[in-house]
Amino acid sequence: GGDEWIGFSARQRVLTFLFAFCEESLAWRSLLLLRVGKCGPLSRAAHV
């Protein structure tokens, strides 16, 4: 939503998203640990 987004390269957009997601995830960390962390990166579990 920021004005700078238009000028970002694709790499910058991915970096910005990942940094922001990890920051936002601190508010959900207990749930992430409980429900996402336990099923692993390759999981296709329905709840994630």
ModelCIF file with pLDDT and N, C-alpha, C, O atoms, coordinates in Angstrom:
data_MODEL
#
_entry.id   MODEL 
#
_entity.id                         1 
_entity.type                       polymer 
_entity.pdbx_number_of_molecules   1 
#
_entity_poly.entity_id                      1 
_entity_poly.type                           'polypeptide(L)' 
_entity_poly.nstd_linkage                   no 
_entity_poly.nstd_monomer                   no 
_entity_poly.pdbx_seq_one_letter_code       GGDEWIGFSARQRVLTFLFAFCEESLAWRSLLLLRVGKCGPLSRAAHV 
_entity_poly.pdbx_seq_one_letter_code_can   GGDEWIGFSARQRVLTFLFAFCEESLAWRSLLLLRVGKCGPLSRAAHV 
_entity_poly.pdbx_strand_id                 A 
#
loop_
_entity_poly_seq.entity_id 
_entity_poly_seq.num 
_entity_poly_seq.mon_id 
_entity_poly_seq.hetero 
1 1  GLY n 
1 2  GLY n 
1 3  ASP n 
1 4  GLU n 
1 5  TRP n 
1 6  ILE n 
1 7  GLY n 
1 8  PHE n 
1 9  SER n 
1 10 ALA n 
1 11 ARG n 
1 12 GLN n 
1 13 ARG n 
1 14 VAL n 
1 15 LEU n 
1 16 THR n 
1 17 PHE n 
1 18 LEU n 
1 19 PHE n 
1 20 ALA n 
1 21 PHE n 
1 22 CYS n 
1 23 GLU n 
1 24 GLU n 
1 25 SER n 
1 26 LEU n 
1 27 ALA n 
1 28 TRP n 
1 29 ARG n 
1 30 SER n 
1 31 LEU n 
1 32 LEU n 
1 33 LEU n 
1 34 LEU n 
1 35 ARG n 
1 36 VAL n 
1 37 GLY n 
1 38 LYS n 
1 39 CYS n 
1 40 GLY n 
1 41 PRO n 
1 42 LEU n 
1 43 SER n 
1 44 ARG n 
1 45 ALA n 
1 46 ALA n 
1 47 HIS n 
1 48 VAL n 
#
_struct_asym.id          A 
_struct_asym.entity_id   1 
#
loop_
_ma_qa_metric.id 
_ma_qa_metric.mode 
_ma_qa_metric.name 
_ma_qa_metric.software_group_id 
_ma_qa_metric.type 
1 global pLDDT . pLDDT 
2 local  pLDDT . pLDDT 
#
_ma_qa_metric_global.metric_id      1 
_ma_qa_metric_global.metric_value   92.90 
_ma_qa_metric_global.model_id       1 
_ma_qa_metric_global.ordinal_id     1 
#
loop_
_ma_qa_metric_local.label_asym_id 
_ma_qa_metric_local.label_comp_id 
_ma_qa_metric_local.label_seq_id 
_ma_qa_metric_local.metric_id 
_ma_qa_metric_local.metric_value 
_ma_qa_metric_local.model_id 
_ma_qa_metric_local.ordinal_id 
A GLY 1  2 92.00 1 1  
A GLY 2  2 86.00 1 2  
A ASP 3  2 88.00 1 3  
A GLU 4  2 93.00 1 4  
A TRP 5  2 96.00 1 5  
A ILE 6  2 94.00 1 6  
A GLY 7  2 95.00 1 7  
A PHE 8  2 97.00 1 8  
A SER 9  2 96.00 1 9  
A ALA 10 2 97.00 1 10 
A ARG 11 2 96.00 1 11 
A GLN 12 2 97.00 1 12 
A ARG 13 2 98.00 1 13 
A VAL 14 2 98.00 1 14 
A LEU 15 2 97.00 1 15 
A THR 16 2 97.00 1 16 
A PHE 17 2 98.00 1 17 
A LEU 18 2 98.00 1 18 
A PHE 19 2 98.00 1 19 
A ALA 20 2 97.00 1 20 
A PHE 21 2 97.00 1 21 
A CYS 22 2 97.00 1 22 
A GLU 23 2 96.00 1 23 
A GLU 24 2 95.00 1 24 
A SER 25 2 95.00 1 25 
A LEU 26 2 96.00 1 26 
A ALA 27 2 94.00 1 27 
A TRP 28 2 93.00 1 28 
A ARG 29 2 95.00 1 29 
A SER 30 2 93.00 1 30 
A LEU 31 2 94.00 1 31 
A LEU 32 2 94.00 1 32 
A LEU 33 2 94.00 1 33 
A LEU 34 2 93.00 1 34 
A ARG 35 2 93.00 1 35 
A VAL 36 2 93.00 1 36 
A GLY 37 2 88.00 1 37 
A LYS 38 2 83.00 1 38 
A CYS 39 2 85.00 1 39 
A GLY 40 2 79.00 1 40 
A PRO 41 2 80.00 1 41 
A LEU 42 2 83.00 1 42 
A SER 43 2 83.00 1 43 
A ARG 44 2 86.00 1 44 
A ALA 45 2 91.00 1 45 
A ALA 46 2 94.00 1 46 
A HIS 47 2 94.00 1 47 
A VAL 48 2 93.00 1 48 
#
loop_
_atom_site.group_PDB 
_atom_site.id 
_atom_site.type_symbol 
_atom_site.label_atom_id 
_atom_site.label_alt_id 
_atom_site.label_comp_id 
_atom_site.label_asym_id 
_atom_site.label_entity_id 
_atom_site.label_seq_id 
_atom_site.pdbx_PDB_ins_code 
_atom_site.Cartn_x 
_atom_site.Cartn_y 
_atom_site.Cartn_z 
_atom_site.occupancy 
_atom_site.B_iso_or_equiv 
_atom_site.pdbx_formal_charge 
_atom_site.auth_seq_id 
_atom_site.auth_comp_id 
_atom_site.auth_asym_id 
_atom_site.auth_atom_id 
_atom_site.pdbx_PDB_model_num 
ATOM 1   N N  . GLY A 1 1  ? 0.792  -1.226  0.000  1.00 92.00 ? 1  GLY A N  1 
ATOM 2   C CA . GLY A 1 1  ? 0.000  0.000   0.000  1.00 92.00 ? 1  GLY A CA 1 
ATOM 3   C C  . GLY A 1 1  ? 0.825  1.278   0.000  1.00 92.00 ? 1  GLY A C  1 
ATOM 4   O O  . GLY A 1 1  ? 0.282  2.365   -0.192 1.00 92.00 ? 1  GLY A O  1 
ATOM 5   N N  . GLY A 1 2  ? 2.130  1.158   0.213  1.00 86.00 ? 2  GLY A N  1 
ATOM 6   C CA . GLY A 1 2  ? 2.970  2.350   0.260  1.00 86.00 ? 2  GLY A CA 1 
ATOM 7   C C  . GLY A 1 2  ? 3.362  2.849   -1.120 1.00 86.00 ? 2  GLY A C  1 
ATOM 8   O O  . GLY A 1 2  ? 3.387  2.088   -2.087 1.00 86.00 ? 2  GLY A O  1 
ATOM 9   N N  . ASP A 1 3  ? 3.666  4.133   -1.199 1.00 88.00 ? 3  ASP A N  1 
ATOM 10  C CA . ASP A 1 3  ? 4.039  4.741   -2.479 1.00 88.00 ? 3  ASP A CA 1 
ATOM 11  C C  . ASP A 1 3  ? 5.314  4.135   -3.058 1.00 88.00 ? 3  ASP A C  1 
ATOM 12  O O  . ASP A 1 3  ? 5.493  4.104   -4.275 1.00 88.00 ? 3  ASP A O  1 
ATOM 13  N N  . GLU A 1 4  ? 6.199  3.655   -2.184 1.00 93.00 ? 4  GLU A N  1 
ATOM 14  C CA . GLU A 1 4  ? 7.484  3.138   -2.648 1.00 93.00 ? 4  GLU A CA 1 
ATOM 15  C C  . GLU A 1 4  ? 7.354  1.772   -3.328 1.00 93.00 ? 4  GLU A C  1 
ATOM 16  O O  . GLU A 1 4  ? 8.269  1.340   -4.029 1.00 93.00 ? 4  GLU A O  1 
ATOM 17  N N  . TRP A 1 5  ? 6.230  1.098   -3.124 1.00 96.00 ? 5  TRP A N  1 
ATOM 18  C CA . TRP A 1 5  ? 6.053  -0.253  -3.656 1.00 96.00 ? 5  TRP A CA 1 
ATOM 19  C C  . TRP A 1 5  ? 6.182  -0.295  -5.174 1.00 96.00 ? 5  TRP A C  1 
ATOM 20  O O  . TRP A 1 5  ? 6.742  -1.241  -5.728 1.00 96.00 ? 5  TRP A O  1 
ATOM 21  N N  . ILE A 1 6  ? 5.670  0.722   -5.839 1.00 94.00 ? 6  ILE A N  1 
ATOM 22  C CA . ILE A 1 6  ? 5.706  0.743   -7.306 1.00 94.00 ? 6  ILE A CA 1 
ATOM 23  C C  . ILE A 1 6  ? 7.141  0.699   -7.817 1.00 94.00 ? 6  ILE A C  1 
ATOM 24  O O  . ILE A 1 6  ? 7.417  0.083   -8.847 1.00 94.00 ? 6  ILE A O  1 
ATOM 25  N N  . GLY A 1 7  ? 8.046  1.346   -7.109 1.00 95.00 ? 7  GLY A N  1 
ATOM 26  C CA . GLY A 1 7  ? 9.433  1.399   -7.552 1.00 95.00 ? 7  GLY A CA 1 
ATOM 27  C C  . GLY A 1 7  ? 10.280 0.223   -7.110 1.00 95.00 ? 7  GLY A C  1 
ATOM 28  O O  . GLY A 1 7  ? 11.444 0.123   -7.497 1.00 95.00 ? 7  GLY A O  1 
ATOM 29  N N  . PHE A 1 8  ? 9.722  -0.666  -6.312 1.00 97.00 ? 8  PHE A N  1 
ATOM 30  C CA . PHE A 1 8  ? 10.489 -1.815  -5.816 1.00 97.00 ? 8  PHE A CA 1 
ATOM 31  C C  . PHE A 1 8  ? 10.686 -2.850  -6.915 1.00 97.00 ? 8  PHE A C  1 
ATOM 32  O O  . PHE A 1 8  ? 9.792  -3.091  -7.726 1.00 97.00 ? 8  PHE A O  1 
ATOM 33  N N  . SER A 1 9  ? 11.859 -3.455  -6.930 1.00 96.00 ? 9  SER A N  1 
ATOM 34  C CA . SER A 1 9  ? 12.092 -4.617  -7.781 1.00 96.00 ? 9  SER A CA 1 
ATOM 35  C C  . SER A 1 9  ? 11.339 -5.807  -7.189 1.00 96.00 ? 9  SER A C  1 
ATOM 36  O O  . SER A 1 9  ? 10.845 -5.732  -6.063 1.00 96.00 ? 9  SER A O  1 
ATOM 37  N N  . ALA A 1 10 ? 11.250 -6.893  -7.935 1.00 97.00 ? 10 ALA A N  1 
ATOM 38  C CA . ALA A 1 10 ? 10.601 -8.098  -7.422 1.00 97.00 ? 10 ALA A CA 1 
ATOM 39  C C  . ALA A 1 10 ? 11.326 -8.613  -6.186 1.00 97.00 ? 10 ALA A C  1 
ATOM 40  O O  . ALA A 1 10 ? 10.695 -9.033  -5.217 1.00 97.00 ? 10 ALA A O  1 
ATOM 41  N N  . ARG A 1 11 ? 12.649 -8.579  -6.225 1.00 96.00 ? 11 ARG A N  1 
ATOM 42  C CA . ARG A 1 11 ? 13.431 -9.025  -5.074 1.00 96.00 ? 11 ARG A CA 1 
ATOM 43  C C  . ARG A 1 11 ? 13.106 -8.182  -3.846 1.00 96.00 ? 11 ARG A C  1 
ATOM 44  O O  . ARG A 1 11 ? 12.914 -8.720  -2.755 1.00 96.00 ? 11 ARG A O  1 
ATOM 45  N N  . GLN A 1 12 ? 13.044 -6.872  -4.016 1.00 97.00 ? 12 GLN A N  1 
ATOM 46  C CA . GLN A 1 12 ? 12.721 -5.996  -2.891 1.00 97.00 ? 12 GLN A CA 1 
ATOM 47  C C  . GLN A 1 12 ? 11.315 -6.263  -2.358 1.00 97.00 ? 12 GLN A C  1 
ATOM 48  O O  . GLN A 1 12 ? 11.072 -6.158  -1.156 1.00 97.00 ? 12 GLN A O  1 
ATOM 49  N N  . ARG A 1 13 ? 10.398 -6.605  -3.251 1.00 98.00 ? 13 ARG A N  1 
ATOM 50  C CA . ARG A 1 13 ? 9.032  -6.887  -2.822 1.00 98.00 ? 13 ARG A CA 1 
ATOM 51  C C  . ARG A 1 13 ? 8.975  -8.155  -1.975 1.00 98.00 ? 13 ARG A C  1 
ATOM 52  O O  . ARG A 1 13 ? 8.279  -8.201  -0.961 1.00 98.00 ? 13 ARG A O  1 
ATOM 53  N N  . VAL A 1 14 ? 9.703  -9.174  -2.394 1.00 98.00 ? 14 VAL A N  1 
ATOM 54  C CA . VAL A 1 14 ? 9.732  -10.412 -1.618 1.00 98.00 ? 14 VAL A CA 1 
ATOM 55  C C  . VAL A 1 14 ? 10.398 -10.174 -0.260 1.00 98.00 ? 14 VAL A C  1 
ATOM 56  O O  . VAL A 1 14 ? 9.895  -10.628 0.767  1.00 98.00 ? 14 VAL A O  1 
ATOM 57  N N  . LEU A 1 15 ? 11.514 -9.471  -0.257 1.00 97.00 ? 15 LEU A N  1 
ATOM 58  C CA . LEU A 1 15 ? 12.195 -9.163  0.999  1.00 97.00 ? 15 LEU A CA 1 
ATOM 59  C C  . LEU A 1 15 ? 11.287 -8.389  1.947  1.00 97.00 ? 15 LEU A C  1 
ATOM 60  O O  . LEU A 1 15 ? 11.190 -8.713  3.130  1.00 97.00 ? 15 LEU A O  1 
ATOM 61  N N  . THR A 1 16 ? 10.629 -7.375  1.421  1.00 97.00 ? 16 THR A N  1 
ATOM 62  C CA . THR A 1 16 ? 9.753  -6.541  2.241  1.00 97.00 ? 16 THR A CA 1 
ATOM 63  C C  . THR A 1 16 ? 8.631  -7.365  2.850  1.00 97.00 ? 16 THR A C  1 
ATOM 64  O O  . THR A 1 16 ? 8.312  -7.219  4.030  1.00 97.00 ? 16 THR A O  1 
ATOM 65  N N  . PHE A 1 17 ? 8.035  -8.229  2.041  1.00 98.00 ? 17 PHE A N  1 
ATOM 66  C CA . PHE A 1 17 ? 6.954  -9.066  2.551  1.00 98.00 ? 17 PHE A CA 1 
ATOM 67  C C  . PHE A 1 17 ? 7.444  -9.998  3.648  1.00 98.00 ? 17 PHE A C  1 
ATOM 68  O O  . PHE A 1 17 ? 6.811  -10.098 4.699  1.00 98.00 ? 17 PHE A O  1 
ATOM 69  N N  . LEU A 1 18 ? 8.559  -10.681 3.424  1.00 98.00 ? 18 LEU A N  1 
ATOM 70  C CA . LEU A 1 18 ? 9.041  -11.653 4.394  1.00 98.00 ? 18 LEU A CA 1 
ATOM 71  C C  . LEU A 1 18 ? 9.439  -10.999 5.716  1.00 98.00 ? 18 LEU A C  1 
ATOM 72  O O  . LEU A 1 18 ? 9.148  -11.534 6.785  1.00 98.00 ? 18 LEU A O  1 
ATOM 73  N N  . PHE A 1 19 ? 10.100 -9.848  5.647  1.00 98.00 ? 19 PHE A N  1 
ATOM 74  C CA . PHE A 1 19 ? 10.437 -9.145  6.881  1.00 98.00 ? 19 PHE A CA 1 
ATOM 75  C C  . PHE A 1 19 ? 9.161  -8.724  7.620  1.00 98.00 ? 19 PHE A C  1 
ATOM 76  O O  . PHE A 1 19 ? 9.069  -8.871  8.839  1.00 98.00 ? 19 PHE A O  1 
ATOM 77  N N  . ALA A 1 20 ? 8.184  -8.203  6.881  1.00 97.00 ? 20 ALA A N  1 
ATOM 78  C CA . ALA A 1 20 ? 6.935  -7.759  7.497  1.00 97.00 ? 20 ALA A CA 1 
ATOM 79  C C  . ALA A 1 20 ? 6.158  -8.935  8.077  1.00 97.00 ? 20 ALA A C  1 
ATOM 80  O O  . ALA A 1 20 ? 5.576  -8.831  9.156  1.00 97.00 ? 20 ALA A O  1 
ATOM 81  N N  . PHE A 1 21 ? 6.152  -10.051 7.359  1.00 97.00 ? 21 PHE A N  1 
ATOM 82  C CA . PHE A 1 21 ? 5.429  -11.222 7.854  1.00 97.00 ? 21 PHE A CA 1 
ATOM 83  C C  . PHE A 1 21 ? 6.032  -11.715 9.163  1.00 97.00 ? 21 PHE A C  1 
ATOM 84  O O  . PHE A 1 21 ? 5.302  -12.013 10.108 1.00 97.00 ? 21 PHE A O  1 
ATOM 85  N N  . CYS A 1 22 ? 7.348  -11.802 9.225  1.00 97.00 ? 22 CYS A N  1 
ATOM 86  C CA . CYS A 1 22 ? 7.992  -12.277 10.448 1.00 97.00 ? 22 CYS A CA 1 
ATOM 87  C C  . CYS A 1 22 ? 7.729  -11.322 11.613 1.00 97.00 ? 22 CYS A C  1 
ATOM 88  O O  . CYS A 1 22 ? 7.563  -11.756 12.752 1.00 97.00 ? 22 CYS A O  1 
ATOM 89  N N  . GLU A 1 23 ? 7.693  -10.042 11.326 1.00 96.00 ? 23 GLU A N  1 
ATOM 90  C CA . GLU A 1 23 ? 7.377  -9.063  12.371 1.00 96.00 ? 23 GLU A CA 1 
ATOM 91  C C  . GLU A 1 23 ? 5.934  -9.227  12.846 1.00 96.00 ? 23 GLU A C  1 
ATOM 92  O O  . GLU A 1 23 ? 5.674  -9.243  14.049 1.00 96.00 ? 23 GLU A O  1 
ATOM 93  N N  . GLU A 1 24 ? 5.007  -9.348  11.918 1.00 95.00 ? 24 GLU A N  1 
ATOM 94  C CA . GLU A 1 24 ? 3.599  -9.521  12.267 1.00 95.00 ? 24 GLU A CA 1 
ATOM 95  C C  . GLU A 1 24 ? 3.371  -10.846 12.987 1.00 95.00 ? 24 GLU A C  1 
ATOM 96  O O  . GLU A 1 24 ? 2.499  -10.949 13.850 1.00 95.00 ? 24 GLU A O  1 
ATOM 97  N N  . SER A 1 25 ? 4.149  -11.848 12.632 1.00 95.00 ? 25 SER A N  1 
ATOM 98  C CA . SER A 1 25 ? 3.944  -13.182 13.203 1.00 95.00 ? 25 SER A CA 1 
ATOM 99  C C  . SER A 1 25 ? 4.221  -13.236 14.701 1.00 95.00 ? 25 SER A C  1 
ATOM 100 O O  . SER A 1 25 ? 3.803  -14.181 15.370 1.00 95.00 ? 25 SER A O  1 
ATOM 101 N N  . LEU A 1 26 ? 4.918  -12.236 15.236 1.00 96.00 ? 26 LEU A N  1 
ATOM 102 C CA . LEU A 1 26 ? 5.183  -12.232 16.678 1.00 96.00 ? 26 LEU A CA 1 
ATOM 103 C C  . LEU A 1 26 ? 3.889  -12.169 17.471 1.00 96.00 ? 26 LEU A C  1 
ATOM 104 O O  . LEU A 1 26 ? 3.817  -12.680 18.589 1.00 96.00 ? 26 LEU A O  1 
ATOM 105 N N  . ALA A 1 27 ? 2.863  -11.542 16.896 1.00 94.00 ? 27 ALA A N  1 
ATOM 106 C CA . ALA A 1 27 ? 1.566  -11.472 17.564 1.00 94.00 ? 27 ALA A CA 1 
ATOM 107 C C  . ALA A 1 27 ? 0.819  -12.801 17.506 1.00 94.00 ? 27 ALA A C  1 
ATOM 108 O O  . ALA A 1 27 ? -0.146 -13.016 18.240 1.00 94.00 ? 27 ALA A O  1 
ATOM 109 N N  . TRP A 1 28 ? 1.279  -13.694 16.620 1.00 93.00 ? 28 TRP A N  1 
ATOM 110 C CA . TRP A 1 28 ? 0.646  -15.000 16.421 1.00 93.00 ? 28 TRP A CA 1 
ATOM 111 C C  . TRP A 1 28 ? 1.617  -16.139 16.715 1.00 93.00 ? 28 TRP A C  1 
ATOM 112 O O  . TRP A 1 28 ? 1.326  -17.288 16.381 1.00 93.00 ? 28 TRP A O  1 
ATOM 113 N N  . ARG A 1 29 ? 2.740  -15.857 17.320 1.00 95.00 ? 29 ARG A N  1 
ATOM 114 C CA . ARG A 1 29 ? 3.807  -16.850 17.405 1.00 95.00 ? 29 ARG A CA 1 
ATOM 115 C C  . ARG A 1 29 ? 3.380  -18.138 18.125 1.00 95.00 ? 29 ARG A C  1 
ATOM 116 O O  . ARG A 1 29 ? 3.748  -19.235 17.704 1.00 95.00 ? 29 ARG A O  1 
ATOM 117 N N  . SER A 1 30 ? 2.611  -18.007 19.198 1.00 93.00 ? 30 SER A N  1 
ATOM 118 C CA . SER A 1 30 ? 2.191  -19.213 19.912 1.00 93.00 ? 30 SER A CA 1 
ATOM 119 C C  . SER A 1 30 ? 1.341  -20.106 19.017 1.00 93.00 ? 30 SER A C  1 
ATOM 120 O O  . SER A 1 30 ? 1.467  -21.330 19.065 1.00 93.00 ? 30 SER A O  1 
ATOM 121 N N  . LEU A 1 31 ? 0.477  -19.507 18.203 1.00 94.00 ? 31 LEU A N  1 
ATOM 122 C CA . LEU A 1 31 ? -0.350 -20.294 17.283 1.00 94.00 ? 31 LEU A CA 1 
ATOM 123 C C  . LEU A 1 31 ? 0.479  -20.878 16.152 1.00 94.00 ? 31 LEU A C  1 
ATOM 124 O O  . LEU A 1 31 ? 0.263  -22.019 15.744 1.00 94.00 ? 31 LEU A O  1 
ATOM 125 N N  . LEU A 1 32 ? 1.419  -20.106 15.648 1.00 94.00 ? 32 LEU A N  1 
ATOM 126 C CA . LEU A 1 32 ? 2.293  -20.611 14.590 1.00 94.00 ? 32 LEU A CA 1 
ATOM 127 C C  . LEU A 1 32 ? 3.104  -21.807 15.085 1.00 94.00 ? 32 LEU A C  1 
ATOM 128 O O  . LEU A 1 32 ? 3.235  -22.807 14.380 1.00 94.00 ? 32 LEU A O  1 
ATOM 129 N N  . LEU A 1 33 ? 3.643  -21.704 16.286 1.00 94.00 ? 33 LEU A N  1 
ATOM 130 C CA . LEU A 1 33 ? 4.397  -22.807 16.856 1.00 94.00 ? 33 LEU A CA 1 
ATOM 131 C C  . LEU A 1 33 ? 3.521  -24.045 17.015 1.00 94.00 ? 33 LEU A C  1 
ATOM 132 O O  . LEU A 1 33 ? 3.936  -25.166 16.721 1.00 94.00 ? 33 LEU A O  1 
ATOM 133 N N  . LEU A 1 34 ? 2.320  -23.817 17.481 1.00 93.00 ? 34 LEU A N  1 
ATOM 134 C CA . LEU A 1 34 ? 1.400  -24.917 17.759 1.00 93.00 ? 34 LEU A CA 1 
ATOM 135 C C  . LEU A 1 34 ? 0.870  -25.586 16.504 1.00 93.00 ? 34 LEU A C  1 
ATOM 136 O O  . LEU A 1 34 ? 0.783  -26.812 16.442 1.00 93.00 ? 34 LEU A O  1 
ATOM 137 N N  . ARG A 1 35 ? 0.508  -24.778 15.487 1.00 93.00 ? 35 ARG A N  1 
ATOM 138 C CA . ARG A 1 35 ? -0.270 -25.310 14.368 1.00 93.00 ? 35 ARG A CA 1 
ATOM 139 C C  . ARG A 1 35 ? 0.498  -25.365 13.043 1.00 93.00 ? 35 ARG A C  1 
ATOM 140 O O  . ARG A 1 35 ? 0.181  -26.187 12.183 1.00 93.00 ? 35 ARG A O  1 
ATOM 141 N N  . VAL A 1 36 ? 1.498  -24.502 12.870 1.00 93.00 ? 36 VAL A N  1 
ATOM 142 C CA . VAL A 1 36 ? 2.265  -24.482 11.626 1.00 93.00 ? 36 VAL A CA 1 
ATOM 143 C C  . VAL A 1 36 ? 3.632  -25.126 11.826 1.00 93.00 ? 36 VAL A C  1 
ATOM 144 O O  . VAL A 1 36 ? 4.075  -25.926 11.003 1.00 93.00 ? 36 VAL A O  1 
ATOM 145 N N  . GLY A 1 37 ? 4.291  -24.774 12.916 1.00 88.00 ? 37 GLY A N  1 
ATOM 146 C CA . GLY A 1 37 ? 5.626  -25.305 13.171 1.00 88.00 ? 37 GLY A CA 1 
ATOM 147 C C  . GLY A 1 37 ? 5.672  -26.814 13.269 1.00 88.00 ? 37 GLY A C  1 
ATOM 148 O O  . GLY A 1 37 ? 6.676  -27.428 12.908 1.00 88.00 ? 37 GLY A O  1 
ATOM 149 N N  . LYS A 1 38 ? 4.606  -27.419 13.747 1.00 83.00 ? 38 LYS A N  1 
ATOM 150 C CA . LYS A 1 38 ? 4.601  -28.863 13.959 1.00 83.00 ? 38 LYS A CA 1 
ATOM 151 C C  . LYS A 1 38 ? 4.319  -29.669 12.693 1.00 83.00 ? 38 LYS A C  1 
ATOM 152 O O  . LYS A 1 38 ? 4.499  -30.886 12.682 1.00 83.00 ? 38 LYS A O  1 
ATOM 153 N N  . CYS A 1 39 ? 3.880  -28.999 11.628 1.00 85.00 ? 39 CYS A N  1 
ATOM 154 C CA . CYS A 1 39 ? 3.546  -29.773 10.423 1.00 85.00 ? 39 CYS A CA 1 
ATOM 155 C C  . CYS A 1 39 ? 4.595  -29.637 9.319  1.00 85.00 ? 39 CYS A C  1 
ATOM 156 O O  . CYS A 1 39 ? 4.477  -30.287 8.281  1.00 85.00 ? 39 CYS A O  1 
ATOM 157 N N  . GLY A 1 40 ? 5.616  -28.806 9.523  1.00 79.00 ? 40 GLY A N  1 
ATOM 158 C CA . GLY A 1 40 ? 6.749  -28.788 8.604  1.00 79.00 ? 40 GLY A CA 1 
ATOM 159 C C  . GLY A 1 40 ? 6.504  -28.070 7.290  1.00 79.00 ? 40 GLY A C  1 
ATOM 160 O O  . GLY A 1 40 ? 5.362  -27.938 6.850  1.00 79.00 ? 40 GLY A O  1 
ATOM 161 N N  . PRO A 1 41 ? 7.594  -27.600 6.657  1.00 80.00 ? 41 PRO A N  1 
ATOM 162 C CA . PRO A 1 41 ? 7.481  -26.813 5.415  1.00 80.00 ? 41 PRO A CA 1 
ATOM 163 C C  . PRO A 1 41 ? 6.837  -27.551 4.254  1.00 80.00 ? 41 PRO A C  1 
ATOM 164 O O  . PRO A 1 41 ? 6.219  -26.918 3.398  1.00 80.00 ? 41 PRO A O  1 
ATOM 165 N N  . LEU A 1 42 ? 6.962  -28.873 4.201  1.00 83.00 ? 42 LEU A N  1 
ATOM 166 C CA . LEU A 1 42 ? 6.436  -29.630 3.063  1.00 83.00 ? 42 LEU A CA 1 
ATOM 167 C C  . LEU A 1 42 ? 4.998  -30.095 3.287  1.00 83.00 ? 42 LEU A C  1 
ATOM 168 O O  . LEU A 1 42 ? 4.407  -30.726 2.411  1.00 83.00 ? 42 LEU A O  1 
ATOM 169 N N  . SER A 1 43 ? 4.441  -29.792 4.437  1.00 83.00 ? 43 SER A N  1 
ATOM 170 C CA . SER A 1 43 ? 3.097  -30.273 4.755  1.00 83.00 ? 43 SER A CA 1 
ATOM 171 C C  . SER A 1 43 ? 2.035  -29.622 3.876  1.00 83.00 ? 43 SER A C  1 
ATOM 172 O O  . SER A 1 43 ? 2.115  -28.439 3.543  1.00 83.00 ? 43 SER A O  1 
ATOM 173 N N  . ARG A 1 44 ? 1.051  -30.415 3.514  1.00 86.00 ? 44 ARG A N  1 
ATOM 174 C CA . ARG A 1 44 ? -0.119 -29.900 2.801  1.00 86.00 ? 44 ARG A CA 1 
ATOM 175 C C  . ARG A 1 44 ? -1.371 -30.088 3.660  1.00 86.00 ? 44 ARG A C  1 
ATOM 176 O O  . ARG A 1 44 ? -2.472 -30.291 3.148  1.00 86.00 ? 44 ARG A O  1 
ATOM 177 N N  . ALA A 1 45 ? -1.176 -30.015 4.975  1.00 91.00 ? 45 ALA A N  1 
ATOM 178 C CA . ALA A 1 45 ? -2.298 -30.175 5.899  1.00 91.00 ? 45 ALA A CA 1 
ATOM 179 C C  . ALA A 1 45 ? -3.390 -29.155 5.598  1.00 91.00 ? 45 ALA A C  1 
ATOM 180 O O  . ALA A 1 45 ? -3.107 -28.000 5.277  1.00 91.00 ? 45 ALA A O  1 
ATOM 181 N N  . ALA A 1 46 ? -4.637 -29.596 5.707  1.00 94.00 ? 46 ALA A N  1 
ATOM 182 C CA . ALA A 1 46 ? -5.767 -28.744 5.330  1.00 94.00 ? 46 ALA A CA 1 
ATOM 183 C C  . ALA A 1 46 ? -5.843 -27.468 6.160  1.00 94.00 ? 46 ALA A C  1 
ATOM 184 O O  . ALA A 1 46 ? -6.263 -26.428 5.654  1.00 94.00 ? 46 ALA A O  1 
ATOM 185 N N  . HIS A 1 47 ? -5.443 -27.534 7.421  1.00 94.00 ? 47 HIS A N  1 
ATOM 186 C CA . HIS A 1 47 ? -5.608 -26.362 8.282  1.00 94.00 ? 47 HIS A CA 1 
ATOM 187 C C  . HIS A 1 47 ? -4.618 -25.241 7.960  1.00 94.00 ? 47 HIS A C  1 
ATOM 188 O O  . HIS A 1 47 ? -4.805 -24.114 8.418  1.00 94.00 ? 47 HIS A O  1 
ATOM 189 N N  . VAL A 1 48 ? -3.560 -25.527 7.176  1.00 93.00 ? 48 VAL A N  1 
ATOM 190 C CA . VAL A 1 48 ? -2.623 -24.467 6.787  1.00 93.00 ? 48 VAL A CA 1 
ATOM 191 C C  . VAL A 1 48 ? -2.728 -24.121 5.298  1.00 93.00 ? 48 VAL A C  1 
ATOM 192 O O  . VAL A 1 48 ? -2.007 -23.249 4.814  1.00 93.00 ? 48 VAL A O  1 
#
